[in-house]
């Protein structure tokens, strides 16, 4: 049974064995109960918010399948916090420098900033392999996102080499 104490081990471009891309809404509701809130993002997408479980999902309005997952640290955007870490060992509170050391230079990124009203907009890194990280004011991971990888070639390019040396020239 999946409880609030269940740890999500996150694989890039997939999710976890308990919550993953492509999962249908019926199974999602069976495993986690209905979301606390639903918000229409567009004609094609709906946000399902599971504040008490520490994650949110983007669902296809057409296929009723999970398109993206966002795992939150405790207290982040009103979430109770998910117990989650990546296969490479990145978890909430880790420094942006650790993320870069493990995953390399991001495919896309933006720096954080404070608006005129004092609201903080998080810095973020996104990788073609289907994983992203959002950082708080002190450059620590607050949100881990899982989404569909860009393409197969990109998956190979962004994957950490783990010390392998190529003899190709």
Foldseek 3Di string as FASTA:
>chain_A
DDDLPDEWAQDAQFTGPQDTFFDAPVSVCVSQNFAPDWAAPDPQWIKGHNQASQKIFIAGPVPRTTFKMKGFDDPPPNHNGHNYAYPQGADFFAAPVVVCVQQNAAPDWDPWDADPVGDIDWTKGHALSFWMFTADPVRTGGMIMGGHHPDDVSNVVRHDPVPDDDPDD
